[in-house]
Each structure stands twice: as C-alpha cells, then as structure tokens.
Amino acid sequence: MIRSARALAVLSLVALRLGAQDTLPTGVRIGITYDQVSRIGVFVTAVGGPAGDSVRAMLSRDLDFGDRVTVLSAEAGPPPSGSLNYDLYARLSARAIVQASVTPQGSLHVAVHDVVARRVMNVGDFAFGNAAPLSAGWRMAVHRASDEIERWVTGTRGVAATRIAFVRDQRLWIVDSDGANLQTAGVGGVALSPAWHPTGRYLAYAQMADDGTHIAVRDLTNGQSRRIPDQGGTNITPAFSPDGSTLVFSAGDDGTDLFAVSPFGGDAPRRVTVGRGSPTSSPTFSPDGRKIAFISGRLGHPEVYITDADGTNAELLTAAPSGDQPYRSSPDWSPDGRSVAFTSQEGANLQVMVINVRDRRIRQLTGDARNEDPSWAPDGRHVVFTSTRSGAKQLWVLDTESGRTRQLTRGAGTTRMAAWSPRMEQP
C-alpha cells in the first residue's frame, strides 16, 4: 500500500485541533492507503461484530484495488456510534463514509454516507448464509458488498466478487480477484486454456489424455465434467458465447479451424472457419455475440482476425506487422466491445497490447520483462496477464487507465493462461 507521511501528519494535526467533542474514538489513527487526490476519498470505519477487522481490511483492499477511489480508514479503535461528525470526515478529505457491521442474523449490514450532503446515501445487507467467517462463501459476500459500495460511490460496479482461473504446472487453479482463496479446479491430468461460462458456474478447458487432446466443460457446483465431441487431432482453446449457449474451440489434424457446438449436448460441432491447412485458434466473442476474434497463421505468421460468428466476412485485425518476426496471440475482446487485448512480439520479449476495433490503433500496455495472455475483467478497465517481472511466470493485474499493477499469484511453478470470470452473483 502507498502511504503519504506528510498527509498523515496533517490529518493527525487536524484531529488534534478539533477538540474533544469532535475527535474519533480513543486510539484511532488515520492513514491514507492510496494517495491520489483526483479520486473520491472514501473513509472505511472500523467494523463491529465477528471478524469485523477482517471485513474492514477486505472492504478497504477491494475498494483500493478498484482504482477509482482513495481509501482512508481507521487503523485502530472501536466502530463509531451515534451520529457521525460529517465535518470531521470532510476535513479528512472524505466525501463518502462506509459504515459496516456483522449482524447477529448472519449478514453484513452496510451504510454509505454522503459527507457533502450530510446524509446516508445507500444501505444494503449482504447475507453470509451458513458460511463460516473467512470461508470462501463468507469472503465472496464481503466482495459483493465492496462492489456495491463502489457502484454507490462512483456509479461503476466493482469486480471484487470475481475469480480468476489459470494454469500452474499444467493443472487448473482458481483464485479470488484479490489473490486469496486459492483452490484447484478439481480437474485431473494435464489441463490448459480455461474459459468461463457467463454464469460463472461452468469452466471449459482443454485436457491432454493418452488418446489425444479434448475439450471438457466442468460444473463447478457439483464437480461433474462433460466431454465435448472431438473433431480429431488437436482440440484446444475453448470460448463461450456471451449468452452461454455456444462453445467455440479450435480443432484439426493438418492445420486447425474453429468449430461451434452446444456446451450441454445436442447437435454435432459445426465448422466456423476454413483455414485451408493454416493453424487457427484462440477464439474470443464480442460482447454482443455477433463476431469472433481469433488467431490465424494464414499469412505465414500468427495474427489476430475477426469474423462474423457464423464464419463469414473474416478480416485481418492486426494489419501492421510488428518487428522482424511478427507474432500475435491470445486475443481477448473487451467487455465494452471497443478493443481487443492480445500478445505481441516486441523486440526480444512478448508484450500485452490492445487494439481499437474501429480505428485499428494499437497501444502497448506492458514493457517490463515478458508479458502475455491478457484477460479482461468485467469492468473493462483491468487486465490480468502472465509476467516474468518478478522472476518466474506469475499473474499480475494491470489498471489500463492509470498503469498501476499488482501481483496476483505467488509461489513455485509456472503460472499462465489466466481467464477472468464474470461477476459471481448471489446464489
């Protein structure tokens, strides 16, 4: 976290000058956890009830990771009681106050105050159900609260209540968006290229077995997997349509093409592209489901193309070669439909780029070390990608507006092929 010693000293001085009737509870010290004056200041008060300190820490961290507000919080002391002193919080540069408590009924009660209007802005309750404190379900309830707080304050819903699937040493793993609650996906054997169903309930992936490479869809609720009918040879890189009714993947023997099929049974897969022996892979749908971006080597090297969802009107998207050895891969269409992120060979390293679909302008998002396999968050602002900037390949998250990065995964093993989930709605 970023701290401002000067700001901390000023805030402490302000608190001392306000007098006993206007001070925070005894022992409270104010700290700025993300110092950027252009953002709305949000003060997260101490939280009462079981595991209140953990709730406050999660709310503060989620809002900080959203990159839209400046988070201020009390580092010690009891939760505030009675009427809030809005003048005090205004002097602390807060425009909103988050007041939360864990209720005896098993929910997180949240009230957000508008400091300028001197009133409660919104109130909400987020049920823990039967989840024990700090369990996966309990944590997801707090993340949902964070996302709603961000929406109430900024007008944009957060992405804390999301998960990221990835491959580590050829096994599938899933982790929360804040890097906590790391779990295996329960898939045995070698698995690659995870892709989320729009409900967040299913995960498609490619699986390597003794009889070849296959596509499977796993129900994360009951742990059951269903194998998609093979097209012979290699079957890789699945992707769901935005409505979840179609699964597109790459398959073939002498070269590969894209095929579309229902992920839950029905008709046999149908061919979408005709690559005439060239490798075609890595489909990604536009948000409206009308187009697909993909990788093809039909020019002799891999580039990003787009086509109508039925395979017609294919055209080259990344038309300008980059460097002496042009190489593009791993496209991912942004949630707003305006751009496609992809991996590109830039000099000696791979880097994450983004291209505007309309005017074809390309912007480089990364520059340090080797960076690849981008996947957009549902807010269309953050991207998760694989990077060697910490030494080994790990997942990092980038705020594409400010350039701020944070490391998501740690530990031994090669980590890659991340896929950011949709928002996990209340079950």
Protein backbone atom coordinates (compact mmCIF):
# COMPACT_ATOMS: atom_id res chain seq x y z
CA MET A 1 0.00 0.00 0.00
CA ILE A 2 1.10 3.59 -0.64
CA ARG A 3 1.41 5.87 2.33
CA SER A 4 1.86 9.61 2.47
CA ALA A 5 3.78 10.64 5.62
CA ARG A 6 3.06 14.29 5.04
CA ALA A 7 -0.66 13.72 4.62
CA LEU A 8 -0.69 11.51 7.71
CA ALA A 9 0.93 14.26 9.78
CA VAL A 10 -1.55 16.85 8.51
CA LEU A 11 -4.54 14.62 9.26
CA SER A 12 -3.24 13.87 12.75
CA LEU A 13 -2.82 17.61 13.40
CA VAL A 14 -6.36 18.30 12.18
CA ALA A 15 -7.75 15.66 14.51
CA LEU A 16 -5.92 17.20 17.48
CA ARG A 17 -7.24 20.70 16.77
CA LEU A 18 -10.89 19.68 16.50
CA GLY A 19 -11.30 19.34 20.26
CA ALA A 20 -12.54 16.51 22.43
CA GLN A 21 -16.13 16.71 21.25
CA ASP A 22 -15.11 16.25 17.61
CA THR A 23 -12.47 13.55 17.81
CA LEU A 24 -12.55 9.94 16.71
CA PRO A 25 -12.64 7.18 19.37
CA THR A 26 -9.58 6.90 21.59
CA GLY A 27 -6.62 5.20 19.96
CA VAL A 28 -7.73 5.78 16.35
CA ARG A 29 -5.06 6.90 13.87
CA ILE A 30 -5.93 7.90 10.31
CA GLY A 31 -3.88 6.53 7.43
CA ILE A 32 -4.18 7.07 3.68
CA THR A 33 -3.90 3.72 1.95
CA TYR A 34 -3.92 5.06 -1.63
CA ASP A 35 -2.87 8.64 -2.23
CA GLN A 36 -4.36 10.16 -5.37
CA VAL A 37 -6.15 13.48 -4.88
CA SER A 38 -8.20 13.28 -8.09
CA ARG A 39 -10.20 10.34 -6.75
CA ILE A 40 -13.11 10.38 -4.34
CA GLY A 41 -11.97 9.97 -0.75
CA VAL A 42 -13.78 7.09 0.95
CA PHE A 43 -13.39 6.53 4.69
CA VAL A 44 -13.95 2.94 5.86
CA THR A 45 -14.73 2.93 9.56
CA ALA A 46 -13.93 0.12 11.99
CA VAL A 47 -16.42 -2.74 11.66
CA GLY A 48 -18.29 -4.29 14.56
CA GLY A 49 -19.26 -7.93 15.02
CA PRO A 50 -17.44 -11.25 14.49
CA ALA A 51 -14.34 -10.93 12.25
CA GLY A 52 -15.00 -7.19 11.94
CA ASP A 53 -11.32 -6.39 11.45
CA SER A 54 -11.16 -8.83 8.53
CA VAL A 55 -14.27 -7.29 6.98
CA ARG A 56 -12.80 -3.79 7.21
CA ALA A 57 -9.50 -4.96 5.73
CA MET A 58 -11.27 -6.67 2.82
CA LEU A 59 -13.56 -3.72 2.09
CA SER A 60 -10.60 -1.33 2.12
CA ARG A 61 -8.47 -3.59 -0.08
CA ASP A 62 -11.27 -4.24 -2.58
CA LEU A 63 -12.00 -0.53 -2.97
CA ASP A 64 -8.29 0.19 -3.33
CA PHE A 65 -7.86 -2.49 -6.00
CA GLY A 66 -10.80 -0.98 -7.92
CA ASP A 67 -8.58 2.05 -8.68
CA ARG A 68 -11.49 4.51 -8.63
CA VAL A 69 -11.37 5.90 -5.08
CA THR A 70 -8.83 6.94 -2.46
CA VAL A 71 -9.30 4.73 0.59
CA LEU A 72 -8.96 6.15 4.10
CA SER A 73 -9.52 4.04 7.18
CA ALA A 74 -9.17 3.94 10.95
CA GLU A 75 -6.23 1.75 11.90
CA ALA A 76 -7.48 1.10 15.46
CA GLY A 77 -10.34 1.77 17.81
CA PRO A 78 -14.00 0.75 18.09
CA PRO A 79 -16.64 1.35 15.42
CA PRO A 80 -18.27 4.81 15.58
CA SER A 81 -21.60 5.02 17.37
CA GLY A 82 -24.41 7.55 17.22
CA SER A 83 -24.50 10.37 14.70
CA LEU A 84 -21.43 10.78 12.53
CA ASN A 85 -19.50 14.03 12.62
CA TYR A 86 -19.54 14.86 8.92
CA ASP A 87 -17.39 17.97 9.42
CA LEU A 88 -14.59 15.83 10.82
CA TYR A 89 -14.65 13.40 7.90
CA ALA A 90 -14.77 16.30 5.42
CA ARG A 91 -11.59 17.69 7.00
CA LEU A 92 -10.04 14.28 6.47
CA SER A 93 -10.74 14.64 2.71
CA ALA A 94 -13.51 12.03 2.75
CA ARG A 95 -16.53 12.51 0.51
CA ALA A 96 -18.08 9.19 1.47
CA ILE A 97 -18.10 7.10 4.66
CA VAL A 98 -18.53 3.32 4.70
CA GLN A 99 -20.07 2.12 7.97
CA ALA A 100 -20.47 -1.67 8.28
CA SER A 101 -21.30 -4.26 10.90
CA VAL A 102 -21.77 -8.02 11.06
CA THR A 103 -25.32 -8.65 12.31
CA PRO A 104 -26.49 -11.46 14.63
CA GLN A 105 -28.72 -12.65 11.75
CA GLY A 106 -25.66 -13.61 9.70
CA SER A 107 -25.30 -10.76 7.23
CA LEU A 108 -23.09 -7.78 6.56
CA HIS A 109 -25.02 -4.54 7.03
CA VAL A 110 -23.52 -1.61 5.12
CA ALA A 111 -24.44 2.07 5.14
CA VAL A 112 -22.67 4.57 2.90
CA HIS A 113 -22.85 8.22 3.89
CA ASP A 114 -22.56 11.23 1.58
CA VAL A 115 -20.32 13.62 3.51
CA VAL A 116 -21.21 16.66 1.40
CA ALA A 117 -24.97 16.09 1.61
CA ARG A 118 -24.59 15.03 5.28
CA ARG A 119 -26.90 12.04 4.92
CA VAL A 120 -26.99 8.31 4.27
CA MET A 121 -26.57 7.61 0.56
CA ASN A 122 -27.38 3.89 0.42
CA VAL A 123 -27.98 0.95 2.74
CA GLY A 124 -27.62 -2.74 1.95
CA ASP A 125 -27.43 -6.16 3.58
CA PHE A 126 -25.26 -8.97 2.21
CA ALA A 127 -26.06 -12.42 3.52
CA PHE A 128 -23.32 -14.82 4.62
CA GLY A 129 -25.76 -17.70 4.64
CA ASN A 130 -24.28 -20.58 6.58
CA ALA A 131 -20.73 -19.69 5.59
CA ALA A 132 -18.21 -19.63 8.42
CA PRO A 133 -16.11 -16.48 8.91
CA LEU A 134 -13.22 -16.24 6.44
CA SER A 135 -14.52 -19.18 4.37
CA ALA A 136 -14.85 -18.90 0.59
CA GLY A 137 -18.59 -18.13 0.70
CA TRP A 138 -18.13 -15.62 3.52
CA ARG A 139 -15.38 -13.84 1.62
CA MET A 140 -17.50 -13.67 -1.54
CA ALA A 141 -20.31 -11.97 0.41
CA VAL A 142 -17.85 -9.28 1.55
CA HIS A 143 -16.59 -8.90 -2.04
CA ARG A 144 -20.17 -8.37 -3.26
CA ALA A 145 -20.61 -5.68 -0.64
CA SER A 146 -17.41 -3.99 -1.85
CA ASP A 147 -18.66 -4.00 -5.44
CA GLU A 148 -21.96 -2.39 -4.47
CA ILE A 149 -20.19 0.23 -2.36
CA GLU A 150 -18.06 1.12 -5.38
CA ARG A 151 -21.19 1.39 -7.51
CA TRP A 152 -22.96 3.59 -4.97
CA VAL A 153 -19.98 5.93 -4.71
CA THR A 154 -18.69 6.05 -8.30
CA GLY A 155 -21.57 4.78 -10.45
CA THR A 156 -19.46 1.80 -11.63
CA ARG A 157 -19.76 -1.62 -10.07
CA GLY A 158 -16.54 -3.17 -8.82
CA VAL A 159 -15.01 -6.53 -9.73
CA ALA A 160 -14.03 -7.82 -6.29
CA ALA A 161 -16.65 -10.59 -6.49
CA THR A 162 -14.88 -12.31 -9.37
CA ARG A 163 -12.41 -15.16 -9.67
CA ILE A 164 -9.53 -15.94 -11.98
CA ALA A 165 -8.85 -19.40 -13.42
CA PHE A 166 -5.34 -20.20 -14.57
CA VAL A 167 -2.86 -22.96 -15.31
CA ARG A 168 0.02 -23.74 -13.00
CA ASP A 169 2.32 -26.59 -13.97
CA GLN A 170 -0.38 -27.95 -16.32
CA ARG A 171 -3.11 -28.06 -13.66
CA LEU A 172 -6.14 -25.79 -13.35
CA TRP A 173 -6.42 -23.45 -10.37
CA ILE A 174 -8.87 -20.73 -9.32
CA VAL A 175 -8.15 -17.72 -7.10
CA ASP A 176 -10.21 -14.75 -5.91
CA SER A 177 -9.57 -11.39 -7.57
CA ASP A 178 -7.62 -10.21 -4.51
CA GLY A 179 -5.25 -13.19 -4.66
CA ALA A 180 -6.81 -15.07 -1.75
CA ASN A 181 -8.71 -18.37 -1.54
CA LEU A 182 -6.50 -20.30 -3.95
CA GLN A 183 -8.04 -23.65 -4.91
CA THR A 184 -7.58 -26.34 -7.51
CA ALA A 185 -10.40 -26.62 -10.05
CA GLY A 186 -10.68 -30.34 -9.30
CA VAL A 187 -9.64 -31.34 -12.81
CA GLY A 188 -7.25 -34.28 -13.03
CA GLY A 189 -4.43 -34.65 -15.52
CA VAL A 190 -2.94 -32.01 -17.81
CA ALA A 191 -5.38 -29.15 -18.45
CA LEU A 192 -4.98 -25.94 -20.45
CA SER A 193 -6.84 -22.82 -21.65
CA PRO A 194 -9.64 -22.32 -19.09
CA ALA A 195 -12.70 -20.32 -20.18
CA TRP A 196 -15.63 -19.15 -18.03
CA HIS A 197 -19.30 -19.59 -18.81
CA PRO A 198 -21.13 -16.23 -18.43
CA THR A 199 -22.93 -17.53 -15.33
CA GLY A 200 -19.62 -18.34 -13.61
CA ARG A 201 -20.89 -21.84 -12.90
CA TYR A 202 -19.04 -23.72 -15.65
CA LEU A 203 -15.42 -23.82 -16.75
CA ALA A 204 -14.38 -25.10 -20.17
CA TYR A 205 -10.83 -26.29 -20.74
CA ALA A 206 -8.61 -28.39 -22.97
CA GLN A 207 -7.41 -31.66 -21.47
CA MET A 208 -4.50 -33.77 -22.65
CA ALA A 209 -5.03 -37.53 -22.36
CA ASP A 210 -3.46 -40.69 -23.73
CA ASP A 211 -5.90 -40.68 -26.64
CA GLY A 212 -5.37 -37.04 -27.60
CA THR A 213 -6.47 -33.54 -26.62
CA HIS A 214 -10.12 -32.97 -25.75
CA ILE A 215 -12.45 -30.16 -24.71
CA ALA A 216 -14.42 -30.58 -21.49
CA VAL A 217 -16.89 -28.47 -19.52
CA ARG A 218 -16.85 -28.71 -15.73
CA ASP A 219 -19.76 -27.80 -13.48
CA LEU A 220 -18.08 -26.07 -10.55
CA THR A 221 -21.22 -26.52 -8.44
CA ASN A 222 -21.37 -30.33 -8.48
CA GLY A 223 -17.88 -31.18 -9.74
CA GLN A 224 -19.07 -33.07 -12.83
CA SER A 225 -17.33 -32.73 -16.21
CA ARG A 226 -18.73 -33.34 -19.69
CA ARG A 227 -16.52 -34.08 -22.70
CA ILE A 228 -17.29 -32.24 -25.92
CA PRO A 229 -17.34 -34.39 -29.12
CA ASP A 230 -13.87 -34.39 -30.68
CA GLN A 231 -13.07 -33.29 -34.21
CA GLY A 232 -9.93 -35.42 -34.45
CA GLY A 233 -6.35 -34.39 -33.85
CA THR A 234 -5.89 -31.37 -31.61
CA ASN A 235 -8.85 -29.87 -29.69
CA ILE A 236 -7.86 -26.70 -27.81
CA THR A 237 -8.70 -23.09 -26.72
CA PRO A 238 -12.45 -23.16 -25.92
CA ALA A 239 -14.55 -20.00 -25.51
CA PHE A 240 -18.20 -19.49 -24.54
CA SER A 241 -20.55 -17.15 -26.36
CA PRO A 242 -21.88 -14.24 -24.24
CA ASP A 243 -25.26 -15.94 -23.82
CA GLY A 244 -23.61 -19.23 -22.85
CA SER A 245 -25.42 -21.26 -25.50
CA THR A 246 -22.41 -21.91 -27.74
CA LEU A 247 -18.89 -23.14 -27.18
CA VAL A 248 -16.30 -22.42 -29.90
CA PHE A 249 -12.95 -24.21 -29.96
CA SER A 250 -10.03 -24.99 -32.25
CA ALA A 251 -9.63 -28.47 -33.71
CA GLY A 252 -7.95 -30.30 -36.55
CA ASP A 253 -5.13 -32.53 -37.74
CA ASP A 254 -3.40 -30.84 -40.67
CA GLY A 255 -3.94 -27.28 -39.53
CA THR A 256 -6.84 -26.30 -37.28
CA ASP A 257 -10.15 -24.47 -37.63
CA LEU A 258 -12.80 -23.13 -35.28
CA PHE A 259 -15.84 -25.27 -34.50
CA ALA A 260 -19.04 -24.33 -32.65
CA VAL A 261 -21.17 -26.63 -30.50
CA SER A 262 -23.69 -26.52 -27.67
CA PRO A 263 -21.74 -26.97 -24.42
CA PHE A 264 -24.51 -29.05 -22.91
CA GLY A 265 -25.26 -31.59 -25.64
CA GLY A 266 -27.26 -31.63 -28.86
CA ASP A 267 -26.03 -31.27 -32.43
CA ALA A 268 -22.53 -32.20 -33.59
CA PRO A 269 -19.91 -29.42 -33.82
CA ARG A 270 -20.10 -27.29 -36.96
CA ARG A 271 -17.15 -25.68 -38.73
CA VAL A 272 -16.89 -21.90 -38.37
CA THR A 273 -13.65 -21.07 -40.21
CA VAL A 274 -11.87 -22.51 -43.25
CA GLY A 275 -8.13 -22.04 -42.76
CA ARG A 276 -7.00 -24.33 -45.60
CA GLY A 277 -4.29 -26.01 -43.56
CA SER A 278 -3.16 -23.00 -41.51
CA PRO A 279 -3.38 -23.02 -37.70
CA THR A 280 -6.45 -21.23 -36.33
CA SER A 281 -7.11 -20.93 -32.59
CA SER A 282 -7.91 -18.78 -29.52
CA PRO A 283 -11.45 -17.58 -30.29
CA THR A 284 -12.99 -14.75 -28.25
CA PHE A 285 -16.50 -13.37 -28.73
CA SER A 286 -17.52 -9.74 -28.99
CA PRO A 287 -19.87 -8.77 -26.12
CA ASP A 288 -22.91 -8.81 -28.41
CA GLY A 289 -22.03 -12.30 -29.66
CA ARG A 290 -22.04 -11.24 -33.30
CA LYS A 291 -18.31 -11.50 -34.01
CA ILE A 292 -15.34 -13.63 -33.04
CA ALA A 293 -11.70 -12.58 -32.86
CA PHE A 294 -9.16 -15.36 -33.31
CA ILE A 295 -5.57 -16.17 -34.23
CA SER A 296 -4.65 -17.49 -37.68
CA GLY A 297 -1.34 -18.23 -39.38
CA ARG A 298 -2.70 -17.92 -42.92
CA LEU A 299 -0.16 -15.15 -43.71
CA GLY A 300 2.72 -17.36 -42.61
CA HIS A 301 2.79 -15.95 -39.09
CA PRO A 302 0.05 -15.64 -36.41
CA GLU A 303 -2.11 -12.51 -36.49
CA VAL A 304 -5.46 -11.50 -35.00
CA TYR A 305 -8.51 -11.75 -37.28
CA ILE A 306 -12.19 -11.07 -36.74
CA THR A 307 -15.15 -12.80 -38.37
CA ASP A 308 -18.89 -12.86 -38.06
CA ALA A 309 -20.00 -15.54 -35.59
CA ASP A 310 -21.07 -17.80 -38.48
CA GLY A 311 -17.61 -17.61 -40.07
CA THR A 312 -18.38 -15.11 -42.82
CA ASN A 313 -16.68 -11.77 -43.52
CA ALA A 314 -13.31 -12.69 -42.00
CA GLU A 315 -10.78 -9.87 -42.00
CA LEU A 316 -7.33 -9.17 -40.62
CA LEU A 317 -7.44 -7.03 -37.46
CA THR A 318 -3.74 -6.56 -36.63
CA ALA A 319 -2.75 -5.48 -40.11
CA ALA A 320 0.55 -3.75 -39.31
CA PRO A 321 3.42 -6.23 -38.75
CA SER A 322 5.45 -5.59 -35.59
CA GLY A 323 9.21 -6.17 -35.74
CA ASP A 324 11.21 -8.57 -37.89
CA GLN A 325 9.36 -11.63 -36.58
CA PRO A 326 5.69 -10.65 -36.31
CA TYR A 327 3.80 -12.79 -33.82
CA ARG A 328 0.39 -12.15 -32.25
CA SER A 329 -1.58 -14.47 -29.97
CA SER A 330 -4.11 -14.79 -27.11
CA PRO A 331 -6.75 -12.21 -28.10
CA ASP A 332 -9.46 -11.23 -25.61
CA TRP A 333 -12.35 -8.95 -26.57
CA SER A 334 -13.02 -6.17 -24.05
CA PRO A 335 -16.41 -6.11 -22.24
CA ASP A 336 -17.29 -2.74 -23.81
CA GLY A 337 -16.67 -4.14 -27.30
CA ARG A 338 -14.31 -1.36 -28.29
CA SER A 339 -10.98 -3.15 -28.24
CA VAL A 340 -9.16 -6.47 -28.25
CA ALA A 341 -6.20 -7.19 -25.99
CA PHE A 342 -3.55 -9.58 -27.32
CA THR A 343 0.06 -10.71 -27.00
CA SER A 344 2.63 -9.37 -29.45
CA GLN A 345 6.31 -9.99 -30.10
CA GLU A 346 8.04 -6.65 -29.44
CA GLY A 347 11.79 -6.92 -29.81
CA ALA A 348 13.19 -9.69 -27.64
CA ASN A 349 10.07 -10.04 -25.46
CA LEU A 350 6.35 -10.63 -25.66
CA GLN A 351 4.17 -7.72 -24.55
CA VAL A 352 0.48 -7.11 -23.93
CA MET A 353 -1.13 -4.80 -26.48
CA VAL A 354 -4.65 -3.53 -27.10
CA ILE A 355 -6.13 -2.60 -30.47
CA ASN A 356 -9.13 -0.36 -31.06
CA VAL A 357 -11.56 -2.32 -33.23
CA ARG A 358 -12.84 0.76 -35.05
CA ASP A 359 -9.72 2.72 -35.99
CA ARG A 360 -7.16 -0.13 -35.54
CA ARG A 361 -4.91 1.93 -33.29
CA ILE A 362 -2.60 -0.24 -31.19
CA ARG A 363 -1.47 0.69 -27.67
CA GLN A 364 1.21 -1.14 -25.71
CA LEU A 365 0.14 -1.88 -22.12
CA THR A 366 3.30 -3.53 -20.74
CA GLY A 367 7.02 -3.05 -21.14
CA ASP A 368 8.89 -4.67 -18.27
CA ALA A 369 10.09 -8.25 -18.84
CA ARG A 370 7.98 -10.81 -20.73
CA ASN A 371 4.18 -10.34 -20.62
CA GLU A 372 1.45 -12.39 -22.31
CA ASP A 373 -2.03 -14.00 -22.16
CA PRO A 374 -4.22 -10.98 -21.28
CA SER A 375 -7.78 -11.42 -19.98
CA TRP A 376 -10.19 -8.56 -19.28
CA ALA A 377 -12.03 -8.04 -16.01
CA PRO A 378 -15.81 -7.47 -16.29
CA ASP A 379 -15.30 -3.73 -15.72
CA GLY A 380 -13.35 -3.40 -18.98
CA ARG A 381 -10.65 -1.49 -17.11
CA HIS A 382 -8.43 -4.14 -15.54
CA VAL A 383 -6.47 -6.89 -17.27
CA VAL A 384 -4.84 -9.97 -15.77
CA PHE A 385 -1.78 -11.31 -17.59
CA THR A 386 1.28 -13.52 -17.19
CA SER A 387 4.58 -11.76 -16.49
CA THR A 388 8.17 -12.65 -15.62
CA ARG A 389 8.81 -9.26 -13.97
CA SER A 390 9.16 -10.92 -10.53
CA GLY A 391 11.42 -13.66 -11.92
CA ALA A 392 9.18 -16.69 -12.51
CA LYS A 393 5.97 -16.53 -14.51
CA GLN A 394 3.20 -15.18 -12.25
CA LEU A 395 -0.14 -13.45 -12.76
CA TRP A 396 -0.32 -9.68 -12.50
CA VAL A 397 -3.26 -7.28 -12.69
CA LEU A 398 -3.00 -4.00 -14.62
CA ASP A 399 -5.24 -0.95 -14.37
CA THR A 400 -5.24 0.12 -18.01
CA GLU A 401 -6.17 3.73 -17.15
CA SER A 402 -3.53 4.55 -14.52
CA GLY A 403 -0.92 1.91 -15.36
CA ARG A 404 -0.91 0.64 -11.77
CA THR A 405 0.00 -3.06 -11.44
CA ARG A 406 -0.24 -5.57 -8.61
CA GLN A 407 0.96 -9.15 -8.34
CA LEU A 408 -1.90 -11.65 -8.05
CA THR A 409 -0.18 -15.04 -7.63
CA ARG A 410 2.95 -16.15 -5.84
CA GLY A 411 4.66 -19.44 -5.14
CA ALA A 412 6.55 -22.05 -7.07
CA GLY A 413 5.57 -23.22 -10.52
CA THR A 414 4.94 -21.69 -13.93
CA THR A 415 1.68 -19.73 -13.89
CA ARG A 416 -0.09 -18.72 -17.10
CA MET A 417 -3.28 -18.77 -19.25
CA ALA A 418 -5.43 -16.68 -16.92
CA ALA A 419 -9.17 -16.24 -17.53
CA TRP A 420 -11.08 -13.60 -15.56
CA SER A 421 -14.55 -14.72 -14.52
CA PRO A 422 -17.81 -12.81 -14.81
CA ARG A 423 -19.16 -11.31 -11.59
CA MET A 424 -20.21 -14.04 -9.18
CA GLU A 425 -23.84 -13.25 -8.43
CA GLN A 426 -25.62 -14.22 -5.22
CA PRO A 427 -26.55 -17.92 -5.46
